[in-house]
Amino acid sequence: MLPDINKVKKALVSLALEESLLEIGGSKLLHDVFRILYEKFQSYLPDCYDHPEYLRGVFSELDSGTADVFLESINEKLEEFAYQKPIGEFLLKISKIKCKVI
């Protein structure tokens, strides 16, 4: 039996999100993002695949430099999969993240 392709894509994006967060801010940034996601949206990192706007909500509470580096990192990690419609749409939606300037 083949795995559900949507679940595979969701797992791929979740892994890329987590890896990017760890690379740019270590476990502190990852835990901050987990906390904000849960406090604001009662959600977890994999939920961002279906709701990229949650990431906008998270990064609106962080400095713009972090968001810029994050967006660059996540685009690098997922660019080879961007031709697949759901992943391409996800990348397009998160590219619109606006952050507060500190």
PDB file of N, CA and C in Angstrom:
ATOM      1  N   MET A   1       0.848  -1.187   0.000  1.00  0.00           N
ATOM      2  CA  MET A   1       0.000   0.000   0.000  1.00  0.00           C
ATOM      3  C   MET A   1       0.889   1.245   0.000  1.00  0.00           C
ATOM      4  N   LEU A   2       0.579   2.179  -0.863  1.00  0.00           N
ATOM      5  CA  LEU A   2       1.355   3.409  -0.971  1.00  0.00           C
ATOM      6  C   LEU A   2       0.951   4.400   0.112  1.00  0.00           C
ATOM      7  N   PRO A   3       1.914   5.195   0.578  1.00  0.00           N
ATOM      8  CA  PRO A   3       1.578   6.207   1.584  1.00  0.00           C
ATOM      9  C   PRO A   3       0.764   7.334   0.945  1.00  0.00           C
ATOM     10  N   ASP A   4      -0.004   8.015   1.754  1.00  0.00           N
ATOM     11  CA  ASP A   4      -0.775   9.176   1.311  1.00  0.00           C
ATOM     12  C   ASP A   4       0.217  10.273   0.920  1.00  0.00           C
ATOM     13  N   ILE A   5       0.225  10.660  -0.354  1.00  0.00           N
ATOM     14  CA  ILE A   5       1.210  11.612  -0.862  1.00  0.00           C
ATOM     15  C   ILE A   5       1.098  12.964  -0.162  1.00  0.00           C
ATOM     16  N   ASN A   6      -0.103  13.356   0.231  1.00  0.00           N
ATOM     17  CA  ASN A   6      -0.270  14.628   0.939  1.00  0.00           C
ATOM     18  C   ASN A   6       0.414  14.580   2.301  1.00  0.00           C
ATOM     19  N   LYS A   7       0.329  13.443   2.977  1.00  0.00           N
ATOM     20  CA  LYS A   7       1.003  13.300   4.271  1.00  0.00           C
ATOM     21  C   LYS A   7       2.519  13.336   4.102  1.00  0.00           C
ATOM     22  N   VAL A   8       3.001  12.765   3.018  1.00  0.00           N
ATOM     23  CA  VAL A   8       4.441  12.779   2.748  1.00  0.00           C
ATOM     24  C   VAL A   8       4.910  14.215   2.510  1.00  0.00           C
ATOM     25  N   LYS A   9       4.157  14.981   1.723  1.00  0.00           N
ATOM     26  CA  LYS A   9       4.510  16.382   1.461  1.00  0.00           C
ATOM     27  C   LYS A   9       4.454  17.205   2.742  1.00  0.00           C
ATOM     28  N   LYS A  10       3.447  16.952   3.556  1.00  0.00           N
ATOM     29  CA  LYS A  10       3.316  17.667   4.830  1.00  0.00           C
ATOM     30  C   LYS A  10       4.514  17.359   5.732  1.00  0.00           C
ATOM     31  N   ALA A  11       4.921  16.110   5.777  1.00  0.00           N
ATOM     32  CA  ALA A  11       6.078  15.719   6.591  1.00  0.00           C
ATOM     33  C   ALA A  11       7.357  16.356   6.054  1.00  0.00           C
ATOM     34  N   LEU A  12       7.507  16.398   4.739  1.00  0.00           N
ATOM     35  CA  LEU A  12       8.676  17.016   4.119  1.00  0.00           C
ATOM     36  C   LEU A  12       8.762  18.497   4.485  1.00  0.00           C
ATOM     37  N   VAL A  13       7.653  19.206   4.369  1.00  0.00           N
ATOM     38  CA  VAL A  13       7.631  20.634   4.705  1.00  0.00           C
ATOM     39  C   VAL A  13       7.892  20.833   6.191  1.00  0.00           C
ATOM     40  N   SER A  14       7.288  20.015   7.034  1.00  0.00           N
ATOM     41  CA  SER A  14       7.496  20.128   8.484  1.00  0.00           C
ATOM     42  C   SER A  14       8.960  19.931   8.849  1.00  0.00           C
ATOM     43  N   LEU A  15       9.580  18.945   8.244  1.00  0.00           N
ATOM     44  CA  LEU A  15      10.993  18.685   8.497  1.00  0.00           C
ATOM     45  C   LEU A  15      11.854  19.857   8.029  1.00  0.00           C
ATOM     46  N   ALA A  16      11.544  20.407   6.869  1.00  0.00           N
ATOM     47  CA  ALA A  16      12.294  21.556   6.352  1.00  0.00           C
ATOM     48  C   ALA A  16      12.114  22.772   7.260  1.00  0.00           C
ATOM     49  N   LEU A  17      10.900  22.983   7.766  1.00  0.00           N
ATOM     50  CA  LEU A  17      10.650  24.094   8.688  1.00  0.00           C
ATOM     51  C   LEU A  17      11.489  23.937   9.951  1.00  0.00           C
ATOM     52  N   GLU A  18      11.431  22.748  10.531  1.00  0.00           N
ATOM     53  CA  GLU A  18      12.167  22.493  11.771  1.00  0.00           C
ATOM     54  C   GLU A  18      13.672  22.638  11.557  1.00  0.00           C
ATOM     55  N   GLU A  19      14.177  22.089  10.474  1.00  0.00           N
ATOM     56  CA  GLU A  19      15.606  22.172  10.187  1.00  0.00           C
ATOM     57  C   GLU A  19      16.041  23.628   9.993  1.00  0.00           C
ATOM     58  N   SER A  20      15.249  24.411   9.285  1.00  0.00           N
ATOM     59  CA  SER A  20      15.577  25.826   9.069  1.00  0.00           C
ATOM     60  C   SER A  20      15.598  26.592  10.383  1.00  0.00           C
ATOM     61  N   LEU A  21      14.603  26.359  11.215  1.00  0.00           N
ATOM     62  CA  LEU A  21      14.545  27.052  12.505  1.00  0.00           C
ATOM     63  C   LEU A  21      15.750  26.694  13.371  1.00  0.00           C
ATOM     64  N   LEU A  22      16.109  25.418  13.397  1.00  0.00           N
ATOM     65  CA  LEU A  22      17.266  24.988  14.185  1.00  0.00           C
ATOM     66  C   LEU A  22      18.559  25.594  13.656  1.00  0.00           C
ATOM     67  N   GLU A  23      18.695  25.656  12.346  1.00  0.00           N
ATOM     68  CA  GLU A  23      19.915  26.203  11.752  1.00  0.00           C
ATOM     69  C   GLU A  23      20.100  27.682  12.069  1.00  0.00           C
ATOM     70  N   ILE A  24      19.018  28.447  12.044  1.00  0.00           N
ATOM     71  CA  ILE A  24      19.181  29.897  12.211  1.00  0.00           C
ATOM     72  C   ILE A  24      19.088  30.361  13.655  1.00  0.00           C
ATOM     73  N   GLY A  25      18.425  29.591  14.504  1.00  0.00           N
ATOM     74  CA  GLY A  25      18.264  30.070  15.874  1.00  0.00           C
ATOM     75  C   GLY A  25      18.409  29.016  16.948  1.00  0.00           C
ATOM     76  N   GLY A  26      18.776  27.816  16.555  1.00  0.00           N
ATOM     77  CA  GLY A  26      18.952  26.752  17.531  1.00  0.00           C
ATOM     78  C   GLY A  26      17.647  26.334  18.181  1.00  0.00           C
ATOM     79  N   SER A  27      17.779  25.580  19.250  1.00  0.00           N
ATOM     80  CA  SER A  27      16.583  25.050  19.907  1.00  0.00           C
ATOM     81  C   SER A  27      15.744  26.150  20.547  1.00  0.00           C
ATOM     82  N   LYS A  28      16.365  27.278  20.924  1.00  0.00           N
ATOM     83  CA  LYS A  28      15.591  28.370  21.519  1.00  0.00           C
ATOM     84  C   LYS A  28      14.563  28.908  20.524  1.00  0.00           C
ATOM     85  N   LEU A  29      14.998  29.181  19.289  1.00  0.00           N
ATOM     86  CA  LEU A  29      14.060  29.683  18.278  1.00  0.00           C
ATOM     87  C   LEU A  29      12.988  28.641  17.985  1.00  0.00           C
ATOM     88  N   LEU A  30      13.384  27.392  17.852  1.00  0.00           N
ATOM     89  CA  LEU A  30      12.422  26.327  17.581  1.00  0.00           C
ATOM     90  C   LEU A  30      11.364  26.274  18.676  1.00  0.00           C
ATOM     91  N   HIS A  31      11.789  26.324  19.929  1.00  0.00           N
ATOM     92  CA  HIS A  31      10.832  26.272  21.039  1.00  0.00           C
ATOM     93  C   HIS A  31       9.985  27.534  21.113  1.00  0.00           C
ATOM     94  N   ASP A  32      10.562  28.690  20.784  1.00  0.00           N
ATOM     95  CA  ASP A  32       9.773  29.928  20.735  1.00  0.00           C
ATOM     96  C   ASP A  32       8.673  29.814  19.684  1.00  0.00           C
ATOM     97  N   VAL A  33       9.015  29.278  18.525  1.00  0.00           N
ATOM     98  CA  VAL A  33       8.025  29.108  17.456  1.00  0.00           C
ATOM     99  C   VAL A  33       6.953  28.113  17.889  1.00  0.00           C
ATOM    100  N   PHE A  34       7.349  26.997  18.496  1.00  0.00           N
ATOM    101  CA  PHE A  34       6.371  26.028  19.013  1.00  0.00           C
ATOM    102  C   PHE A  34       5.413  26.704  19.989  1.00  0.00           C
ATOM    103  N   ARG A  35       5.980  27.495  20.909  1.00  0.00           N
ATOM    104  CA  ARG A  35       5.171  28.155  21.939  1.00  0.00           C
ATOM    105  C   ARG A  35       4.181  29.132  21.310  1.00  0.00           C
ATOM    106  N   ILE A  36       4.678  29.990  20.417  1.00  0.00           N
ATOM    107  CA  ILE A  36       3.808  30.989  19.791  1.00  0.00           C
ATOM    108  C   ILE A  36       2.716  30.309  18.959  1.00  0.00           C
ATOM    109  N   LEU A  37       3.082  29.276  18.217  1.00  0.00           N
ATOM    110  CA  LEU A  37       2.087  28.539  17.427  1.00  0.00           C
ATOM    111  C   LEU A  37       0.974  28.000  18.314  1.00  0.00           C
ATOM    112  N   TYR A  38       1.361  27.440  19.452  1.00  0.00           N
ATOM    113  CA  TYR A  38       0.343  26.861  20.322  1.00  0.00           C
ATOM    114  C   TYR A  38      -0.478  27.941  21.018  1.00  0.00           C
ATOM    115  N   GLU A  39       0.197  28.988  21.517  1.00  0.00           N
ATOM    116  CA  GLU A  39      -0.521  30.046  22.230  1.00  0.00           C
ATOM    117  C   GLU A  39      -1.481  30.810  21.322  1.00  0.00           C
ATOM    118  N   LYS A  40      -1.057  31.116  20.108  1.00  0.00           N
ATOM    119  CA  LYS A  40      -1.882  31.924  19.203  1.00  0.00           C
ATOM    120  C   LYS A  40      -2.892  31.102  18.402  1.00  0.00           C
ATOM    121  N   PHE A  41      -2.515  29.874  18.041  1.00  0.00           N
ATOM    122  CA  PHE A  41      -3.339  29.113  17.097  1.00  0.00           C
ATOM    123  C   PHE A  41      -3.721  27.714  17.578  1.00  0.00           C
ATOM    124  N   GLN A  42      -3.282  27.325  18.781  1.00  0.00           N
ATOM    125  CA  GLN A  42      -3.506  25.976  19.295  1.00  0.00           C
ATOM    126  C   GLN A  42      -3.101  24.947  18.236  1.00  0.00           C
ATOM    127  N   SER A  43      -1.926  25.183  17.646  1.00  0.00           N
ATOM    128  CA  SER A  43      -1.439  24.347  16.551  1.00  0.00           C
ATOM    129  C   SER A  43       0.020  23.978  16.745  1.00  0.00           C
ATOM    130  N   TYR A  44       0.465  23.085  15.890  1.00  0.00           N
ATOM    131  CA  TYR A  44       1.837  22.598  15.918  1.00  0.00           C
ATOM    132  C   TYR A  44       2.487  22.846  14.556  1.00  0.00           C
ATOM    133  N   LEU A  45       3.792  22.678  14.478  1.00  0.00           N
ATOM    134  CA  LEU A  45       4.538  22.982  13.261  1.00  0.00           C
ATOM    135  C   LEU A  45       3.965  22.308  12.002  1.00  0.00           C
ATOM    136  N   PRO A  46       3.599  21.021  12.038  1.00  0.00           N
ATOM    137  CA  PRO A  46       3.043  20.408  10.818  1.00  0.00           C
ATOM    138  C   PRO A  46       1.758  21.084  10.321  1.00  0.00           C
ATOM    139  N   ASP A  47       1.031  21.739  11.216  1.00  0.00           N
ATOM    140  CA  ASP A  47      -0.200  22.428  10.814  1.00  0.00           C
ATOM    141  C   ASP A  47       0.077  23.606   9.886  1.00  0.00           C
ATOM    142  N   CYS A  48       1.309  24.100   9.886  1.00  0.00           N
ATOM    143  CA  CYS A  48       1.672  25.238   9.026  1.00  0.00           C
ATOM    144  C   CYS A  48       1.624  24.872   7.549  1.00  0.00           C
ATOM    145  N   TYR A  49       1.716  23.608   7.223  1.00  0.00           N
ATOM    146  CA  TYR A  49       1.616  23.178   5.824  1.00  0.00           C
ATOM    147  C   TYR A  49       0.245  23.555   5.261  1.00  0.00           C
ATOM    148  N   ASP A  50      -0.793  23.310   6.041  1.00  0.00           N
ATOM    149  CA  ASP A  50      -2.156  23.637   5.617  1.00  0.00           C
ATOM    150  C   ASP A  50      -2.528  25.080   5.930  1.00  0.00           C
ATOM    151  N   HIS A  51      -1.799  25.699   6.854  1.00  0.00           N
ATOM    152  CA  HIS A  51      -2.095  27.072   7.286  1.00  0.00           C
ATOM    153  C   HIS A  51      -0.817  27.902   7.343  1.00  0.00           C
ATOM    154  N   PRO A  52      -0.254  28.260   6.193  1.00  0.00           N
ATOM    155  CA  PRO A  52       0.990  29.046   6.192  1.00  0.00           C
ATOM    156  C   PRO A  52       0.841  30.396   6.884  1.00  0.00           C
ATOM    157  N   GLU A  53      -0.394  30.867   6.974  1.00  0.00           N
ATOM    158  CA  GLU A  53      -0.627  32.145   7.660  1.00  0.00           C
ATOM    159  C   GLU A  53      -0.231  32.073   9.132  1.00  0.00           C
ATOM    160  N   TYR A  54      -0.203  30.881   9.701  1.00  0.00           N
ATOM    161  CA  TYR A  54       0.252  30.739  11.085  1.00  0.00           C
ATOM    162  C   TYR A  54       1.705  31.189  11.218  1.00  0.00           C
ATOM    163  N   LEU A  55       2.516  30.888  10.212  1.00  0.00           N
ATOM    164  CA  LEU A  55       3.913  31.333  10.256  1.00  0.00           C
ATOM    165  C   LEU A  55       3.997  32.851  10.221  1.00  0.00           C
ATOM    166  N   ARG A  56       3.105  33.485   9.451  1.00  0.00           N
ATOM    167  CA  ARG A  56       3.074  34.953   9.448  1.00  0.00           C
ATOM    168  C   ARG A  56       2.775  35.457  10.847  1.00  0.00           C
ATOM    169  N   GLY A  57       1.842  34.804  11.534  1.00  0.00           N
ATOM    170  CA  GLY A  57       1.511  35.198  12.897  1.00  0.00           C
ATOM    171  C   GLY A  57       2.675  35.021  13.851  1.00  0.00           C
ATOM    172  N   VAL A  58       3.423  33.959  13.673  1.00  0.00           N
ATOM    173  CA  VAL A  58       4.588  33.703  14.522  1.00  0.00           C
ATOM    174  C   VAL A  58       5.672  34.733  14.258  1.00  0.00           C
ATOM    175  N   PHE A  59       6.004  34.940  12.991  1.00  0.00           N
ATOM    176  CA  PHE A  59       7.110  35.835  12.663  1.00  0.00           C
ATOM    177  C   PHE A  59       6.766  37.299  12.863  1.00  0.00           C
ATOM    178  N   SER A  60       5.491  37.615  13.013  1.00  0.00           N
ATOM    179  CA  SER A  60       5.130  38.995  13.333  1.00  0.00           C
ATOM    180  C   SER A  60       5.588  39.341  14.746  1.00  0.00           C
ATOM    181  N   GLU A  61       5.871  38.321  15.548  1.00  0.00           N
ATOM    182  CA  GLU A  61       6.340  38.538  16.916  1.00  0.00           C
ATOM    183  C   GLU A  61       7.863  38.458  17.028  1.00  0.00           C
ATOM    184  N   LEU A  62       8.522  38.151  15.938  1.00  0.00           N
ATOM    185  CA  LEU A  62       9.981  38.043  15.938  1.00  0.00           C
ATOM    186  C   LEU A  62      10.563  39.156  15.073  1.00  0.00           C
ATOM    187  N   ASP A  63      11.859  39.363  15.167  1.00  0.00           N
ATOM    188  CA  ASP A  63      12.458  40.441  14.382  1.00  0.00           C
ATOM    189  C   ASP A  63      12.527  40.081  12.900  1.00  0.00           C
ATOM    190  N   SER A  64      12.553  41.101  12.066  1.00  0.00           N
ATOM    191  CA  SER A  64      12.499  40.887  10.620  1.00  0.00           C
ATOM    192  C   SER A  64      13.729  40.157  10.091  1.00  0.00           C
ATOM    193  N   GLY A  65      14.878  40.331  10.716  1.00  0.00           N
ATOM    194  CA  GLY A  65      16.082  39.632  10.271  1.00  0.00           C
ATOM    195  C   GLY A  65      15.931  38.128  10.371  1.00  0.00           C
ATOM    196  N   THR A  66      15.330  37.661  11.447  1.00  0.00           N
ATOM    197  CA  THR A  66      15.105  36.224  11.630  1.00  0.00           C
ATOM    198  C   THR A  66      14.191  35.691  10.536  1.00  0.00           C
ATOM    199  N   ALA A  67      13.129  36.410  10.266  1.00  0.00           N
ATOM    200  CA  ALA A  67      12.184  35.964   9.237  1.00  0.00           C
ATOM    201  C   ALA A  67      12.837  35.930   7.864  1.00  0.00           C
ATOM    202  N   ASP A  68      13.646  36.936   7.556  1.00  0.00           N
ATOM    203  CA  ASP A  68      14.311  36.980   6.248  1.00  0.00           C
ATOM    204  C   ASP A  68      15.233  35.779   6.062  1.00  0.00           C
ATOM    205  N   VAL A  69      16.024  35.481   7.080  1.00  0.00           N
ATOM    206  CA  VAL A  69      16.944  34.337   7.005  1.00  0.00           C
ATOM    207  C   VAL A  69      16.150  33.033   6.923  1.00  0.00           C
ATOM    208  N   PHE A  70      15.075  32.948   7.693  1.00  0.00           N
ATOM    209  CA  PHE A  70      14.217  31.762   7.672  1.00  0.00           C
ATOM    210  C   PHE A  70      13.637  31.542   6.274  1.00  0.00           C
ATOM    211  N   LEU A  71      13.104  32.593   5.676  1.00  0.00           N
ATOM    212  CA  LEU A  71      12.501  32.465   4.346  1.00  0.00           C
ATOM    213  C   LEU A  71      13.527  32.013   3.308  1.00  0.00           C
ATOM    214  N   GLU A  72      14.719  32.553   3.403  1.00  0.00           N
ATOM    215  CA  GLU A  72      15.783  32.151   2.483  1.00  0.00           C
ATOM    216  C   GLU A  72      16.120  30.668   2.676  1.00  0.00           C
ATOM    217  N   SER A  73      16.229  30.248   3.926  1.00  0.00           N
ATOM    218  CA  SER A  73      16.575  28.865   4.240  1.00  0.00           C
ATOM    219  C   SER A  73      15.493  27.892   3.778  1.00  0.00           C
ATOM    220  N   ILE A  74      14.241  28.207   4.069  1.00  0.00           N
ATOM    221  CA  ILE A  74      13.154  27.285   3.715  1.00  0.00           C
ATOM    222  C   ILE A  74      12.999  27.199   2.197  1.00  0.00           C
ATOM    223  N   ASN A  75      13.223  28.301   1.514  1.00  0.00           N
ATOM    224  CA  ASN A  75      13.158  28.277   0.048  1.00  0.00           C
ATOM    225  C   ASN A  75      14.267  27.408  -0.537  1.00  0.00           C
ATOM    226  N   GLU A  76      15.460  27.492   0.031  1.00  0.00           N
ATOM    227  CA  GLU A  76      16.566  26.647  -0.433  1.00  0.00           C
ATOM    228  C   GLU A  76      16.249  25.168  -0.234  1.00  0.00           C
ATOM    229  N   LYS A  77      15.673  24.850   0.913  1.00  0.00           N
ATOM    230  CA  LYS A  77      15.401  23.449   1.239  1.00  0.00           C
ATOM    231  C   LYS A  77      14.284  22.851   0.375  1.00  0.00           C
ATOM    232  N   LEU A  78      13.329  23.683  -0.003  1.00  0.00           N
ATOM    233  CA  LEU A  78      12.162  23.156  -0.716  1.00  0.00           C
ATOM    234  C   LEU A  78      12.122  23.506  -2.202  1.00  0.00           C
ATOM    235  N   GLU A  79      13.116  24.250  -2.692  1.00  0.00           N
ATOM    236  CA  GLU A  79      13.046  24.709  -4.083  1.00  0.00           C
ATOM    237  C   GLU A  79      12.942  23.563  -5.088  1.00  0.00           C
ATOM    238  N   GLU A  80      13.578  22.433  -4.822  1.00  0.00           N
ATOM    239  CA  GLU A  80      13.513  21.323  -5.777  1.00  0.00           C
ATOM    240  C   GLU A  80      12.136  20.658  -5.810  1.00  0.00           C
ATOM    241  N   PHE A  81      11.283  20.982  -4.821  1.00  0.00           N
ATOM    242  CA  PHE A  81       9.927  20.421  -4.771  1.00  0.00           C
ATOM    243  C   PHE A  81       8.864  21.464  -5.116  1.00  0.00           C
ATOM    244  N   ALA A  82       9.291  22.684  -5.426  1.00  0.00           N
ATOM    245  CA  ALA A  82       8.361  23.794  -5.646  1.00  0.00           C
ATOM    246  C   ALA A  82       7.475  23.581  -6.873  1.00  0.00           C
ATOM    247  N   TYR A  83       7.880  22.709  -7.781  1.00  0.00           N
ATOM    248  CA  TYR A  83       7.053  22.432  -8.963  1.00  0.00           C
ATOM    249  C   TYR A  83       5.774  21.686  -8.579  1.00  0.00           C
ATOM    250  N   GLN A  84       5.777  21.049  -7.410  1.00  0.00           N
ATOM    251  CA  GLN A  84       4.582  20.360  -6.935  1.00  0.00           C
ATOM    252  C   GLN A  84       3.648  21.412  -6.349  1.00  0.00           C
ATOM    253  N   LYS A  85       2.444  21.467  -6.866  1.00  0.00           N
ATOM    254  CA  LYS A  85       1.533  22.569  -6.570  1.00  0.00           C
ATOM    255  C   LYS A  85       1.388  22.897  -5.079  1.00  0.00           C
ATOM    256  N   PRO A  86       1.116  21.940  -4.209  1.00  0.00           N
ATOM    257  CA  PRO A  86       0.920  22.316  -2.797  1.00  0.00           C
ATOM    258  C   PRO A  86       2.167  22.938  -2.164  1.00  0.00           C
ATOM    259  N   ILE A  87       3.334  22.443  -2.517  1.00  0.00           N
ATOM    260  CA  ILE A  87       4.568  22.979  -1.936  1.00  0.00           C
ATOM    261  C   ILE A  87       4.877  24.341  -2.544  1.00  0.00           C
ATOM    262  N   GLY A  88       4.669  24.491  -3.846  1.00  0.00           N
ATOM    263  CA  GLY A  88       4.853  25.785  -4.493  1.00  0.00           C
ATOM    264  C   GLY A  88       3.930  26.842  -3.911  1.00  0.00           C
ATOM    265  N   GLU A  89       2.678  26.466  -3.669  1.00  0.00           N
ATOM    266  CA  GLU A  89       1.718  27.404  -3.065  1.00  0.00           C
ATOM    267  C   GLU A  89       2.127  27.754  -1.637  1.00  0.00           C
ATOM    268  N   PHE A  90       2.598  26.770  -0.894  1.00  0.00           N
ATOM    269  CA  PHE A  90       3.065  27.019   0.466  1.00  0.00           C
ATOM    270  C   PHE A  90       4.192  28.047   0.450  1.00  0.00           C
ATOM    271  N   LEU A  91       5.179  27.855  -0.423  1.00  0.00           N
ATOM    272  CA  LEU A  91       6.312  28.782  -0.503  1.00  0.00           C
ATOM    273  C   LEU A  91       5.856  30.179  -0.903  1.00  0.00           C
ATOM    274  N   LEU A  92       4.910  30.258  -1.819  1.00  0.00           N
ATOM    275  CA  LEU A  92       4.389  31.560  -2.236  1.00  0.00           C
ATOM    276  C   LEU A  92       3.701  32.263  -1.070  1.00  0.00           C
ATOM    277  N   LYS A  93       2.895  31.523  -0.330  1.00  0.00           N
ATOM    278  CA  LYS A  93       2.166  32.124   0.793  1.00  0.00           C
ATOM    279  C   LYS A  93       3.104  32.581   1.905  1.00  0.00           C
ATOM    280  N   ILE A  94       4.116  31.794   2.232  1.00  0.00           N
ATOM    281  CA  ILE A  94       5.002  32.230   3.315  1.00  0.00           C
ATOM    282  C   ILE A  94       5.937  33.338   2.868  1.00  0.00           C
ATOM    283  N   SER A  95       6.110  33.501   1.557  1.00  0.00           N
ATOM    284  CA  SER A  95       6.984  34.583   1.083  1.00  0.00           C
ATOM    285  C   SER A  95       6.389  35.949   1.391  1.00  0.00           C
ATOM    286  N   LYS A  96       5.127  35.975   1.765  1.00  0.00           N
ATOM    287  CA  LYS A  96       4.445  37.236   2.070  1.00  0.00           C
ATOM    288  C   LYS A  96       4.517  37.593   3.551  1.00  0.00           C
ATOM    289  N   ILE A  97       5.349  36.886   4.300  1.00  0.00           N
ATOM    290  CA  ILE A  97       5.483  37.152   5.733  1.00  0.00           C
ATOM    291  C   ILE A  97       5.999  38.567   5.950  1.00  0.00           C
ATOM    292  N   LYS A  98       5.309  39.286   6.788  1.00  0.00           N
ATOM    293  CA  LYS A  98       5.743  40.628   7.187  1.00  0.00           C
ATOM    294  C   LYS A  98       6.052  40.584   8.681  1.00  0.00           C
ATOM    295  N   CYS A  99       7.130  41.233   9.055  1.00  0.00           N
ATOM    296  CA  CYS A  99       7.576  41.173  10.443  1.00  0.00           C
ATOM    297  C   CYS A  99       7.702  42.570  11.018  1.00  0.00           C
ATOM    298  N   LYS A 100       7.660  42.639  12.312  1.00  0.00           N
ATOM    299  CA  LYS A 100       7.896  43.930  12.953  1.00  0.00           C
ATOM    300  C   LYS A 100       9.383  44.235  12.890  1.00  0.00           C
ATOM    301  N   VAL A 101       9.706  45.492  12.846  1.00  0.00           N
ATOM    302  CA  VAL A 101      11.104  45.910  12.816  1.00  0.00           C
ATOM    303  C   VAL A 101      11.478  46.338  14.221  1.00  0.00           C
ATOM    304  N   ILE A 102      12.557  45.738  14.725  1.00  0.00           N
ATOM    305  CA  ILE A 102      12.990  46.046  16.092  1.00  0.00           C
ATOM    306  C   ILE A 102      14.100  47.056  16.041  1.00  0.00           C
TER     307      ILE A 102
END
